[in-house]
Every structure is written in C-alpha cells, then in structure tokens.
Amino acid sequence: MINAFISGFSLGLSFILAIGAQNAFVLKQGIKKEHILTVVLICSLSDAILISLGVGGFGYISKEFPYINLIAKYGGFAFLFIYALKSFYSSLKLSHQIPDSQNSHSSLAKIALVTLAFTWLNPHVYLDTVMIIGSFSLKFGELAWYFGFGAMSASFVFFFSLGYAARVLIPLFQKPLSWKILEFIIGVIMLSLAITLLLS
C-alpha cells in the first residue's frame, strides 16, 4: 500500500516537475502574488480528475481487453524513455529562464480561464495523467488507487509549493544551471521508471 502510494507520488512529481508552459505560468503568478490559490487549485484538481480517469479507465479497459496491458506497457516505456532523453537533451543543450514579473493586475475570471487553458489544452497532460499514470497503475493491481492517490498528492504538493514559494525560489532559478540540474534529475527518474515498467 505504502509502496504503491510512494511510487505514484514519485511518478506524478516527475511529470509535473518538467519545465512547461503551465509551470511557468504558476511560477509567474506566484511571483506576482496574483490569485495564487485559484491557480494552484485549478491545476491540482484538474490533475486529480485526469488521474482518476486514467486509473479507473485503464483498470476497466484492461479487464475487457487484456492485450491493452501490453500496449500500455510498451507504449508507456517508449514515452518515458523519450521523455528521459528529452530531459537529458534539455539539461545539456537548452537554456531556461523564468518569465519576468509584470505589474498589471488581472481579474480572477481571466486568470482562471488562462489556467484552465494551460491545463486542459495541453496535449501532454493527457499523455502524462491518463495514459502513462493510468497504464503504470496496472502494475499495482488492487492497489492501483493508492498509486493514483499518490500521483494526485504529488500534484497538490507541487503546485501549492510552486505557487506559494515562488518568491523564495526565483533567485535560484534565474540561473540557467539550476534548470539544467533539475532537467537532468528528471531524466534519471524517467529513465529508471521506464526500465521498471518494462521489467514489470
């Protein structure tokens, strides 16, 4: 039970740690101290909904169509492996910067809509939550939901930490080297998860 929860937490955290438009937006709002609670709640709850669909949906589909397990297993391995290579490439070749803070103050409705767009219009979020986390949860059988709860918890912990600790983190992540180290760590985690999934 604990192992399933920790595995889900680790996988979920690995996905959302990756640099992307959504995380940059949350970080930016945290720096501006603008509607932070709304932003992090939308991101966290959206992930929880998608992860639930992945864990619940894949469990049902796998019983009806057993060969789906093989597709999910090798498809998940391929995606995680490519994700790891992408992170390694990013750590070695790319230079990342945090978006500059702006003084303008936007309405709550506008910020909520923008946050929803960053979350639900991002195709990678469906691959990460529904497909990959859903397929990886199959490994845990009856404990799949503990794995799912672990992944959901990672989203809440990450987004709330990112949103409210942004002003503390900003000096560190103004340095491109910090992003490179983070990307390398993500690559190692993704690669280890890919191998674990393949051997399970």
N, C-alpha and C. Protein backbone atom coordinates (compact mmCIF):
# COMPACT_ATOMS: atom_id res chain seq x y z
N MET A 1 0.83 -1.20 0.00
CA MET A 1 0.00 0.00 0.00
C MET A 1 0.87 1.26 0.00
N ILE A 2 1.81 1.31 0.95
CA ILE A 2 2.70 2.47 1.05
C ILE A 2 3.59 2.56 -0.19
N ASN A 3 4.06 1.40 -0.65
CA ASN A 3 4.92 1.36 -1.83
C ASN A 3 4.17 1.89 -3.06
N ALA A 4 2.91 1.50 -3.19
CA ALA A 4 2.10 1.97 -4.32
C ALA A 4 1.91 3.48 -4.25
N PHE A 5 1.62 3.99 -3.05
CA PHE A 5 1.42 5.44 -2.87
C PHE A 5 2.70 6.21 -3.20
N ILE A 6 3.83 5.74 -2.69
CA ILE A 6 5.11 6.41 -2.93
C ILE A 6 5.48 6.37 -4.41
N SER A 7 5.23 5.22 -5.05
CA SER A 7 5.52 5.11 -6.48
C SER A 7 4.68 6.09 -7.28
N GLY A 8 3.41 6.20 -6.93
CA GLY A 8 2.53 7.14 -7.61
C GLY A 8 2.97 8.57 -7.37
N PHE A 9 3.35 8.87 -6.15
CA PHE A 9 3.81 10.21 -5.80
C PHE A 9 5.07 10.57 -6.60
N SER A 10 6.00 9.62 -6.69
CA SER A 10 7.25 9.85 -7.40
C SER A 10 7.03 10.06 -8.89
N LEU A 11 6.18 9.22 -9.48
CA LEU A 11 5.91 9.36 -10.91
C LEU A 11 5.18 10.66 -11.20
N GLY A 12 4.16 10.97 -10.40
CA GLY A 12 3.41 12.20 -10.60
C GLY A 12 4.29 13.43 -10.45
N LEU A 13 5.16 13.41 -9.46
CA LEU A 13 6.05 14.55 -9.24
C LEU A 13 7.05 14.69 -10.38
N SER A 14 7.52 13.57 -10.91
CA SER A 14 8.47 13.61 -12.03
C SER A 14 7.86 14.28 -13.25
N PHE A 15 6.60 13.96 -13.54
CA PHE A 15 5.94 14.56 -14.70
C PHE A 15 5.76 16.06 -14.54
N ILE A 16 5.25 16.49 -13.40
CA ILE A 16 4.92 17.91 -13.26
C ILE A 16 6.13 18.77 -12.96
N LEU A 17 7.26 18.15 -12.60
CA LEU A 17 8.49 18.93 -12.42
C LEU A 17 9.05 19.43 -13.74
N ALA A 18 8.71 18.73 -14.81
CA ALA A 18 9.25 19.12 -16.11
C ALA A 18 8.85 20.55 -16.47
N ILE A 19 9.79 21.28 -17.05
CA ILE A 19 9.53 22.67 -17.42
C ILE A 19 8.51 22.73 -18.53
N GLY A 20 7.49 23.53 -18.35
CA GLY A 20 6.45 23.67 -19.36
C GLY A 20 5.69 24.96 -19.18
N ALA A 21 4.76 25.21 -20.09
CA ALA A 21 4.00 26.46 -20.06
C ALA A 21 3.19 26.60 -18.77
N GLN A 22 2.57 25.49 -18.33
CA GLN A 22 1.74 25.55 -17.12
C GLN A 22 2.56 25.91 -15.89
N ASN A 23 3.69 25.23 -15.71
CA ASN A 23 4.52 25.50 -14.54
C ASN A 23 5.09 26.92 -14.57
N ALA A 24 5.48 27.38 -15.75
CA ALA A 24 5.99 28.74 -15.88
C ALA A 24 4.92 29.75 -15.50
N PHE A 25 3.67 29.46 -15.90
CA PHE A 25 2.56 30.36 -15.58
C PHE A 25 2.29 30.38 -14.08
N VAL A 26 2.27 29.20 -13.44
CA VAL A 26 2.05 29.12 -11.99
C VAL A 26 3.17 29.87 -11.26
N LEU A 27 4.39 29.67 -11.70
CA LEU A 27 5.52 30.34 -11.08
C LEU A 27 5.40 31.86 -11.22
N LYS A 28 5.01 32.28 -12.40
CA LYS A 28 4.85 33.71 -12.66
C LYS A 28 3.77 34.32 -11.76
N GLN A 29 2.65 33.62 -11.62
CA GLN A 29 1.57 34.12 -10.75
C GLN A 29 2.02 34.15 -9.30
N GLY A 30 2.85 33.16 -8.91
CA GLY A 30 3.37 33.15 -7.55
C GLY A 30 4.28 34.34 -7.30
N ILE A 31 5.09 34.67 -8.28
CA ILE A 31 5.98 35.81 -8.15
C ILE A 31 5.17 37.10 -8.04
N LYS A 32 4.09 37.18 -8.81
CA LYS A 32 3.24 38.38 -8.79
C LYS A 32 2.27 38.40 -7.60
N LYS A 33 2.14 37.25 -6.89
CA LYS A 33 1.18 37.09 -5.79
C LYS A 33 -0.23 37.44 -6.28
N GLU A 34 -0.60 36.87 -7.41
CA GLU A 34 -1.87 37.21 -8.05
C GLU A 34 -2.76 35.98 -8.18
N HIS A 35 -3.84 35.92 -7.40
CA HIS A 35 -4.82 34.82 -7.45
C HIS A 35 -4.14 33.45 -7.37
N ILE A 36 -3.17 33.33 -6.47
CA ILE A 36 -2.39 32.10 -6.39
C ILE A 36 -3.25 30.89 -6.00
N LEU A 37 -4.13 31.06 -5.01
CA LEU A 37 -4.95 29.94 -4.56
C LEU A 37 -5.81 29.39 -5.69
N THR A 38 -6.42 30.27 -6.46
CA THR A 38 -7.25 29.84 -7.59
C THR A 38 -6.43 29.06 -8.61
N VAL A 39 -5.27 29.58 -8.92
CA VAL A 39 -4.40 28.95 -9.92
C VAL A 39 -3.98 27.55 -9.49
N VAL A 40 -3.47 27.41 -8.26
CA VAL A 40 -2.97 26.11 -7.82
C VAL A 40 -4.10 25.11 -7.60
N LEU A 41 -5.28 25.57 -7.19
CA LEU A 41 -6.41 24.66 -7.03
C LEU A 41 -6.88 24.12 -8.38
N ILE A 42 -6.95 24.99 -9.38
CA ILE A 42 -7.37 24.54 -10.72
C ILE A 42 -6.40 23.50 -11.26
N CYS A 43 -5.11 23.78 -11.13
CA CYS A 43 -4.10 22.85 -11.63
C CYS A 43 -4.16 21.51 -10.90
N SER A 44 -4.25 21.56 -9.57
CA SER A 44 -4.24 20.33 -8.76
C SER A 44 -5.50 19.50 -8.97
N LEU A 45 -6.66 20.15 -8.93
CA LEU A 45 -7.92 19.43 -9.10
C LEU A 45 -8.05 18.86 -10.51
N SER A 46 -7.56 19.58 -11.50
CA SER A 46 -7.60 19.09 -12.87
C SER A 46 -6.77 17.82 -13.00
N ASP A 47 -5.58 17.83 -12.40
CA ASP A 47 -4.73 16.64 -12.42
C ASP A 47 -5.43 15.48 -11.72
N ALA A 48 -6.08 15.76 -10.59
CA ALA A 48 -6.77 14.70 -9.84
C ALA A 48 -7.87 14.06 -10.68
N ILE A 49 -8.62 14.89 -11.42
CA ILE A 49 -9.69 14.37 -12.28
C ILE A 49 -9.11 13.49 -13.37
N LEU A 50 -8.06 13.97 -14.02
CA LEU A 50 -7.45 13.23 -15.13
C LEU A 50 -6.80 11.94 -14.65
N ILE A 51 -6.15 11.99 -13.50
CA ILE A 51 -5.52 10.78 -12.95
C ILE A 51 -6.60 9.75 -12.59
N SER A 52 -7.72 10.22 -12.05
CA SER A 52 -8.83 9.31 -11.72
C SER A 52 -9.35 8.62 -12.97
N LEU A 53 -9.47 9.38 -14.05
CA LEU A 53 -9.92 8.80 -15.31
C LEU A 53 -8.92 7.76 -15.81
N GLY A 54 -7.63 8.07 -15.64
CA GLY A 54 -6.60 7.14 -16.09
C GLY A 54 -6.59 5.85 -15.30
N VAL A 55 -6.58 5.97 -13.98
CA VAL A 55 -6.54 4.78 -13.12
C VAL A 55 -7.82 3.96 -13.25
N GLY A 56 -8.98 4.62 -13.17
CA GLY A 56 -10.25 3.92 -13.27
C GLY A 56 -10.51 3.36 -14.65
N GLY A 57 -10.24 4.16 -15.66
CA GLY A 57 -10.50 3.75 -17.03
C GLY A 57 -9.62 2.61 -17.50
N PHE A 58 -8.34 2.69 -17.18
CA PHE A 58 -7.44 1.64 -17.61
C PHE A 58 -7.71 0.33 -16.90
N GLY A 59 -8.13 0.42 -15.64
CA GLY A 59 -8.45 -0.80 -14.91
C GLY A 59 -9.60 -1.54 -15.57
N TYR A 60 -10.65 -0.80 -15.97
CA TYR A 60 -11.82 -1.40 -16.61
C TYR A 60 -11.48 -1.92 -17.99
N ILE A 61 -10.80 -1.11 -18.77
CA ILE A 61 -10.47 -1.49 -20.15
C ILE A 61 -9.57 -2.72 -20.19
N SER A 62 -8.62 -2.80 -19.25
CA SER A 62 -7.68 -3.93 -19.25
C SER A 62 -8.38 -5.25 -18.97
N LYS A 63 -9.48 -5.21 -18.19
CA LYS A 63 -10.23 -6.44 -17.92
C LYS A 63 -11.02 -6.88 -19.14
N GLU A 64 -11.55 -5.91 -19.88
CA GLU A 64 -12.32 -6.23 -21.07
C GLU A 64 -11.43 -6.61 -22.25
N PHE A 65 -10.27 -5.95 -22.34
CA PHE A 65 -9.35 -6.19 -23.45
C PHE A 65 -7.94 -6.39 -22.89
N PRO A 66 -7.60 -7.65 -22.52
CA PRO A 66 -6.31 -7.94 -21.88
C PRO A 66 -5.09 -7.46 -22.66
N TYR A 67 -5.17 -7.46 -23.99
CA TYR A 67 -4.00 -7.05 -24.78
C TYR A 67 -3.67 -5.57 -24.60
N ILE A 68 -4.61 -4.82 -24.05
CA ILE A 68 -4.37 -3.40 -23.78
C ILE A 68 -3.20 -3.25 -22.81
N ASN A 69 -3.05 -4.23 -21.90
CA ASN A 69 -1.95 -4.16 -20.93
C ASN A 69 -0.59 -4.11 -21.63
N LEU A 70 -0.44 -4.94 -22.67
CA LEU A 70 0.83 -4.95 -23.40
C LEU A 70 1.06 -3.64 -24.14
N ILE A 71 -0.02 -3.15 -24.74
CA ILE A 71 0.09 -1.87 -25.45
C ILE A 71 0.47 -0.76 -24.48
N ALA A 72 -0.19 -0.75 -23.32
CA ALA A 72 0.09 0.27 -22.32
C ALA A 72 1.51 0.14 -21.78
N LYS A 73 1.94 -1.10 -21.58
CA LYS A 73 3.27 -1.35 -21.02
C LYS A 73 4.37 -0.83 -21.94
N TYR A 74 4.32 -1.27 -23.22
CA TYR A 74 5.38 -0.87 -24.15
C TYR A 74 5.22 0.57 -24.62
N GLY A 75 3.97 1.02 -24.71
CA GLY A 75 3.75 2.42 -25.05
C GLY A 75 4.25 3.34 -23.94
N GLY A 76 3.97 2.94 -22.69
CA GLY A 76 4.45 3.71 -21.55
C GLY A 76 5.96 3.74 -21.48
N PHE A 77 6.58 2.58 -21.75
CA PHE A 77 8.04 2.53 -21.75
C PHE A 77 8.62 3.48 -22.80
N ALA A 78 8.05 3.44 -24.01
CA ALA A 78 8.56 4.29 -25.10
C ALA A 78 8.44 5.77 -24.73
N PHE A 79 7.28 6.13 -24.17
CA PHE A 79 7.07 7.54 -23.83
C PHE A 79 8.03 7.99 -22.73
N LEU A 80 8.16 7.18 -21.67
CA LEU A 80 9.05 7.53 -20.57
C LEU A 80 10.50 7.61 -21.03
N PHE A 81 10.88 6.70 -21.91
CA PHE A 81 12.26 6.69 -22.42
C PHE A 81 12.53 7.95 -23.24
N ILE A 82 11.59 8.30 -24.11
CA ILE A 82 11.74 9.51 -24.92
C ILE A 82 11.74 10.76 -24.03
N TYR A 83 10.87 10.75 -23.02
CA TYR A 83 10.80 11.87 -22.07
C TYR A 83 12.14 12.03 -21.36
N ALA A 84 12.76 10.91 -21.00
CA ALA A 84 14.06 10.96 -20.33
C ALA A 84 15.11 11.56 -21.25
N LEU A 85 15.13 11.12 -22.51
CA LEU A 85 16.09 11.65 -23.48
C LEU A 85 15.88 13.14 -23.69
N LYS A 86 14.60 13.55 -23.73
CA LYS A 86 14.28 14.98 -23.89
C LYS A 86 14.82 15.79 -22.72
N SER A 87 14.68 15.26 -21.51
CA SER A 87 15.17 15.96 -20.32
C SER A 87 16.70 16.03 -20.32
N PHE A 88 17.34 14.94 -20.73
CA PHE A 88 18.81 14.94 -20.80
C PHE A 88 19.29 15.96 -21.84
N TYR A 89 18.61 16.00 -22.98
CA TYR A 89 18.95 16.97 -24.02
C TYR A 89 18.79 18.39 -23.50
N SER A 90 17.67 18.62 -22.81
CA SER A 90 17.39 19.95 -22.26
C SER A 90 18.45 20.36 -21.24
N SER A 91 18.91 19.39 -20.45
CA SER A 91 19.91 19.70 -19.42
C SER A 91 21.27 20.03 -20.01
N LEU A 92 21.53 19.51 -21.22
CA LEU A 92 22.84 19.71 -21.84
C LEU A 92 22.87 20.86 -22.85
N LYS A 93 21.75 21.06 -23.55
CA LYS A 93 21.77 21.97 -24.69
C LYS A 93 20.98 23.26 -24.49
N LEU A 94 19.85 23.19 -23.78
CA LEU A 94 18.96 24.34 -23.73
C LEU A 94 19.24 25.24 -22.53
N SER A 95 18.84 26.50 -22.67
CA SER A 95 18.97 27.47 -21.58
C SER A 95 17.58 27.95 -21.21
N HIS A 96 17.22 27.85 -19.94
CA HIS A 96 15.87 28.20 -19.49
C HIS A 96 15.89 29.47 -18.66
N GLN A 97 14.80 30.22 -18.77
CA GLN A 97 14.65 31.44 -17.99
C GLN A 97 13.24 31.54 -17.45
N ILE A 98 13.11 32.12 -16.29
CA ILE A 98 11.80 32.37 -15.70
C ILE A 98 11.23 33.63 -16.32
N PRO A 99 9.94 33.64 -16.70
CA PRO A 99 9.35 34.84 -17.27
C PRO A 99 9.38 36.00 -16.29
N ASP A 100 9.60 37.19 -16.82
CA ASP A 100 9.66 38.39 -15.99
C ASP A 100 8.31 38.68 -15.37
N SER A 101 8.33 39.18 -14.15
CA SER A 101 7.09 39.57 -13.47
C SER A 101 6.53 40.84 -14.10
N GLN A 102 5.21 40.97 -14.10
CA GLN A 102 4.56 42.15 -14.65
C GLN A 102 3.77 42.83 -13.54
N ASN A 103 3.61 44.12 -13.68
CA ASN A 103 2.93 44.88 -12.63
C ASN A 103 1.42 44.92 -12.80
N SER A 104 0.93 44.56 -13.98
CA SER A 104 -0.51 44.64 -14.23
C SER A 104 -1.25 43.59 -13.41
N HIS A 105 -2.46 43.94 -13.00
CA HIS A 105 -3.26 43.04 -12.18
C HIS A 105 -4.47 42.57 -12.99
N SER A 106 -4.58 41.26 -13.19
CA SER A 106 -5.66 40.70 -14.00
C SER A 106 -6.82 40.25 -13.11
N SER A 107 -8.01 40.16 -13.71
CA SER A 107 -9.19 39.75 -12.96
C SER A 107 -9.12 38.26 -12.62
N LEU A 108 -9.87 37.86 -11.59
CA LEU A 108 -9.92 36.47 -11.18
C LEU A 108 -10.44 35.59 -12.31
N ALA A 109 -11.48 36.03 -13.01
CA ALA A 109 -12.07 35.25 -14.09
C ALA A 109 -11.06 35.02 -15.21
N LYS A 110 -10.32 36.06 -15.55
CA LYS A 110 -9.34 35.94 -16.62
C LYS A 110 -8.24 34.95 -16.24
N ILE A 111 -7.74 35.08 -15.01
CA ILE A 111 -6.68 34.18 -14.55
C ILE A 111 -7.17 32.74 -14.51
N ALA A 112 -8.41 32.54 -14.06
CA ALA A 112 -8.97 31.18 -14.00
C ALA A 112 -9.07 30.57 -15.39
N LEU A 113 -9.52 31.36 -16.36
CA LEU A 113 -9.66 30.87 -17.74
C LEU A 113 -8.29 30.54 -18.34
N VAL A 114 -7.33 31.39 -18.08
CA VAL A 114 -5.98 31.15 -18.60
C VAL A 114 -5.39 29.88 -17.99
N THR A 115 -5.62 29.70 -16.69
CA THR A 115 -5.12 28.49 -16.01
C THR A 115 -5.77 27.24 -16.57
N LEU A 116 -7.08 27.28 -16.80
CA LEU A 116 -7.79 26.15 -17.40
C LEU A 116 -7.24 25.85 -18.79
N ALA A 117 -6.93 26.90 -19.54
CA ALA A 117 -6.40 26.70 -20.89
C ALA A 117 -5.02 26.04 -20.84
N PHE A 118 -4.15 26.52 -19.95
CA PHE A 118 -2.82 25.93 -19.82
C PHE A 118 -2.91 24.46 -19.43
N THR A 119 -3.94 24.11 -18.67
CA THR A 119 -4.09 22.74 -18.18
C THR A 119 -4.78 21.82 -19.18
N TRP A 120 -5.97 22.20 -19.64
CA TRP A 120 -6.79 21.30 -20.44
C TRP A 120 -6.51 21.35 -21.94
N LEU A 121 -5.82 22.39 -22.40
CA LEU A 121 -5.48 22.47 -23.82
C LEU A 121 -4.06 21.99 -24.10
N ASN A 122 -3.44 21.45 -23.09
CA ASN A 122 -2.09 20.92 -23.24
C ASN A 122 -2.17 19.42 -23.52
N PRO A 123 -1.82 18.98 -24.72
CA PRO A 123 -1.95 17.55 -25.06
C PRO A 123 -1.09 16.65 -24.18
N HIS A 124 0.02 17.18 -23.67
CA HIS A 124 0.91 16.35 -22.85
C HIS A 124 0.27 15.95 -21.53
N VAL A 125 -0.65 16.78 -21.03
CA VAL A 125 -1.26 16.46 -19.75
C VAL A 125 -2.09 15.17 -19.84
N TYR A 126 -2.67 14.91 -21.00
CA TYR A 126 -3.45 13.67 -21.19
C TYR A 126 -2.53 12.46 -21.28
N LEU A 127 -1.39 12.64 -21.93
CA LEU A 127 -0.42 11.55 -22.01
C LEU A 127 0.13 11.23 -20.62
N ASP A 128 0.47 12.29 -19.87
CA ASP A 128 1.07 12.10 -18.55
C ASP A 128 0.10 11.47 -17.56
N THR A 129 -1.11 12.04 -17.45
CA THR A 129 -2.04 11.62 -16.40
C THR A 129 -2.90 10.42 -16.80
N VAL A 130 -3.58 10.52 -17.92
CA VAL A 130 -4.50 9.46 -18.32
C VAL A 130 -3.76 8.24 -18.86
N MET A 131 -2.86 8.46 -19.80
CA MET A 131 -2.20 7.34 -20.47
C MET A 131 -1.09 6.71 -19.62
N ILE A 132 -0.09 7.52 -19.26
CA ILE A 132 1.09 6.96 -18.59
C ILE A 132 0.79 6.56 -17.15
N ILE A 133 0.24 7.46 -16.37
CA ILE A 133 -0.08 7.12 -14.98
C ILE A 133 -1.14 6.02 -14.94
N GLY A 134 -2.10 6.10 -15.85
CA GLY A 134 -3.13 5.07 -15.92
C GLY A 134 -2.55 3.71 -16.23
N SER A 135 -1.65 3.65 -17.22
CA SER A 135 -1.05 2.36 -17.58
C SER A 135 -0.10 1.86 -16.50
N PHE A 136 0.64 2.76 -15.87
CA PHE A 136 1.58 2.35 -14.82
C PHE A 136 0.83 1.83 -13.61
N SER A 137 -0.38 2.32 -13.38
CA SER A 137 -1.16 1.88 -12.21
C SER A 137 -1.56 0.40 -12.31
N LEU A 138 -1.59 -0.13 -13.53
CA LEU A 138 -1.96 -1.53 -13.74
C LEU A 138 -1.01 -2.47 -13.02
N LYS A 139 0.22 -2.03 -12.86
CA LYS A 139 1.24 -2.85 -12.21
C LYS A 139 0.86 -3.17 -10.76
N PHE A 140 0.04 -2.32 -10.14
CA PHE A 140 -0.26 -2.46 -8.72
C PHE A 140 -1.58 -3.18 -8.44
N GLY A 141 -2.26 -3.62 -9.48
CA GLY A 141 -3.47 -4.42 -9.31
C GLY A 141 -4.52 -3.75 -8.43
N GLU A 142 -4.89 -4.42 -7.33
CA GLU A 142 -5.91 -3.89 -6.43
C GLU A 142 -5.46 -2.63 -5.69
N LEU A 143 -4.17 -2.38 -5.70
CA LEU A 143 -3.64 -1.19 -5.03
C LEU A 143 -3.48 -0.01 -6.00
N ALA A 144 -4.07 -0.14 -7.18
CA ALA A 144 -3.91 0.89 -8.20
C ALA A 144 -4.37 2.27 -7.72
N TRP A 145 -5.46 2.29 -6.93
CA TRP A 145 -5.97 3.59 -6.47
C TRP A 145 -5.04 4.24 -5.46
N TYR A 146 -4.29 3.44 -4.69
CA TYR A 146 -3.29 4.03 -3.79
C TYR A 146 -2.19 4.69 -4.62
N PHE A 147 -1.83 4.03 -5.72
CA PHE A 147 -0.88 4.61 -6.66
C PHE A 147 -1.43 5.92 -7.22
N GLY A 148 -2.71 5.91 -7.59
CA GLY A 148 -3.35 7.10 -8.12
C GLY A 148 -3.41 8.23 -7.10
N PHE A 149 -3.74 7.89 -5.85
CA PHE A 149 -3.78 8.91 -4.80
C PHE A 149 -2.40 9.51 -4.56
N GLY A 150 -1.38 8.69 -4.72
CA GLY A 150 -0.01 9.19 -4.58
C GLY A 150 0.30 10.22 -5.66
N ALA A 151 -0.11 9.90 -6.90
CA ALA A 151 0.12 10.84 -8.01
C ALA A 151 -0.67 12.12 -7.81
N MET A 152 -1.92 12.00 -7.33
CA MET A 152 -2.74 13.20 -7.06
C MET A 152 -2.10 14.06 -5.98
N SER A 153 -1.61 13.41 -4.92
CA SER A 153 -0.97 14.13 -3.83
C SER A 153 0.24 14.91 -4.32
N ALA A 154 0.98 14.30 -5.24
CA ALA A 154 2.15 14.98 -5.80
C ALA A 154 1.75 16.27 -6.49
N SER A 155 0.63 16.25 -7.20
CA SER A 155 0.16 17.46 -7.88
C SER A 155 -0.17 18.57 -6.88
N PHE A 156 -0.90 18.22 -5.82
CA PHE A 156 -1.26 19.22 -4.81
C PHE A 156 -0.01 19.78 -4.13
N VAL A 157 0.90 18.88 -3.74
CA VAL A 157 2.13 19.33 -3.06
C VAL A 157 2.95 20.23 -3.97
N PHE A 158 3.10 19.80 -5.23
CA PHE A 158 3.93 20.57 -6.15
C PHE A 158 3.35 21.94 -6.46
N PHE A 159 2.08 21.97 -6.88
CA PHE A 159 1.51 23.24 -7.30
C PHE A 159 1.38 24.24 -6.15
N PHE A 160 1.00 23.77 -4.97
CA PHE A 160 0.93 24.68 -3.83
C PHE A 160 2.31 25.17 -3.44
N SER A 161 3.30 24.30 -3.49
CA SER A 161 4.67 24.70 -3.16
C SER A 161 5.20 25.69 -4.19
N LEU A 162 4.96 25.40 -5.46
CA LEU A 162 5.44 26.28 -6.53
C LEU A 162 4.79 27.65 -6.46
N GLY A 163 3.47 27.66 -6.25
CA GLY A 163 2.75 28.92 -6.23
C GLY A 163 3.12 29.80 -5.05
N TYR A 164 3.25 29.20 -3.86
CA TYR A 164 3.47 30.00 -2.66
C TYR A 164 4.94 30.18 -2.30
N ALA A 165 5.82 29.36 -2.86
CA ALA A 165 7.25 29.51 -2.57
C ALA A 165 8.00 30.16 -3.72
N ALA A 166 7.27 30.67 -4.70
CA ALA A 166 7.89 31.22 -5.90
C ALA A 166 8.89 32.33 -5.59
N ARG A 167 8.53 33.21 -4.67
CA ARG A 167 9.42 34.33 -4.36
C ARG A 167 10.72 33.88 -3.70
N VAL A 168 10.67 32.71 -3.07
CA VAL A 168 11.88 32.16 -2.46
C VAL A 168 12.75 31.49 -3.52
N LEU A 169 12.11 30.83 -4.48
CA LEU A 169 12.83 30.07 -5.50
C LEU A 169 13.38 30.93 -6.63
N ILE A 170 12.79 32.10 -6.85
CA ILE A 170 13.16 32.88 -8.02
C ILE A 170 14.65 33.21 -8.12
N PRO A 171 15.36 33.55 -7.04
CA PRO A 171 16.79 33.84 -7.19
C PRO A 171 17.58 32.63 -7.69
N LEU A 172 17.17 31.44 -7.22
CA LEU A 172 17.88 30.23 -7.61
C LEU A 172 17.66 29.90 -9.08
N PHE A 173 16.39 29.97 -9.53
CA PHE A 173 16.08 29.55 -10.89
C PHE A 173 16.22 30.65 -11.93
N GLN A 174 16.79 31.77 -11.53
CA GLN A 174 17.21 32.76 -12.51
C GLN A 174 18.50 32.30 -13.19
N LYS A 175 19.15 31.34 -12.55
CA LYS A 175 20.39 30.78 -13.09
C LYS A 175 20.07 29.58 -13.99
N PRO A 176 20.47 29.64 -15.27
CA PRO A 176 20.22 28.52 -16.19
C PRO A 176 20.75 27.18 -15.67
N LEU A 177 21.85 27.21 -14.90
CA LEU A 177 22.43 25.96 -14.39
C LEU A 177 21.46 25.22 -13.48
N SER A 178 20.67 25.95 -12.71
CA SER A 178 19.69 25.32 -11.82
C SER A 178 18.66 24.54 -12.61
N TRP A 179 18.19 25.11 -13.72
CA TRP A 179 17.23 24.42 -14.58
C TRP A 179 17.86 23.17 -15.19
N LYS A 180 19.14 23.29 -15.58
CA LYS A 180 19.83 22.15 -16.20
C LYS A 180 19.95 20.98 -15.22
N ILE A 181 20.29 21.29 -13.97
CA ILE A 181 20.40 20.25 -12.95
C ILE A 181 19.04 19.59 -12.72
N LEU A 182 17.99 20.41 -12.66
CA LEU A 182 16.64 19.88 -12.46
C LEU A 182 16.24 18.95 -13.61
N GLU A 183 16.52 19.38 -14.84
CA GLU A 183 16.18 18.57 -16.01
C GLU A 183 16.93 17.24 -16.00
N PHE A 184 18.19 17.27 -15.59
CA PHE A 184 18.99 16.04 -15.54
C PHE A 184 18.41 15.06 -14.52
N ILE A 185 18.01 15.57 -13.35
CA ILE A 185 17.41 14.72 -12.32
C ILE A 185 16.11 14.10 -12.83
N ILE A 186 15.30 14.91 -13.53
CA ILE A 186 14.05 14.40 -14.11
C ILE A 186 14.36 13.29 -15.11
N GLY A 187 15.40 13.48 -15.92
CA GLY A 187 15.78 12.47 -16.90
C GLY A 187 16.14 11.14 -16.25
N VAL A 188 16.90 11.21 -15.15
CA VAL A 188 17.29 9.99 -14.43
C VAL A 188 16.06 9.27 -13.89
N ILE A 189 15.13 10.03 -13.29
CA ILE A 189 13.92 9.44 -12.73
C ILE A 189 13.07 8.79 -13.82
N MET A 190 12.90 9.49 -14.94
CA MET A 190 12.09 8.96 -16.03
C MET A 190 12.70 7.68 -16.61
N LEU A 191 14.01 7.68 -16.77
CA LEU A 191 14.67 6.51 -17.33
C LEU A 191 14.52 5.31 -16.40
N SER A 192 14.67 5.52 -15.10
CA SER A 192 14.52 4.42 -14.14
C SER A 192 13.09 3.89 -14.13
N LEU A 193 12.11 4.78 -14.26
CA LEU A 193 10.71 4.36 -14.31
C LEU A 193 10.42 3.58 -15.58
N ALA A 194 11.01 4.01 -16.69
CA ALA A 194 10.82 3.29 -17.96
C ALA A 194 11.33 1.86 -17.87
N ILE A 195 12.50 1.70 -17.28
CA ILE A 195 13.08 0.36 -17.13
C ILE A 195 12.23 -0.48 -16.18
N THR A 196 11.76 0.14 -15.10
CA THR A 196 10.91 -0.58 -14.15
C THR A 196 9.64 -1.07 -14.81
N LEU A 197 9.03 -0.21 -15.62
CA LEU A 197 7.79 -0.58 -16.31
C LEU A 197 8.02 -1.72 -17.29
N LEU A 198 9.14 -1.67 -18.01
CA LEU A 198 9.46 -2.70 -19.00
C LEU A 198 9.70 -4.06 -18.34
N LEU A 199 10.31 -4.05 -17.18
CA LEU A 199 10.66 -5.30 -16.49
C LEU A 199 9.55 -5.84 -15.60
N SER A 200 8.48 -5.06 -15.44
CA SER A 200 7.39 -5.49 -14.53
C SER A 200 6.56 -6.59 -15.16
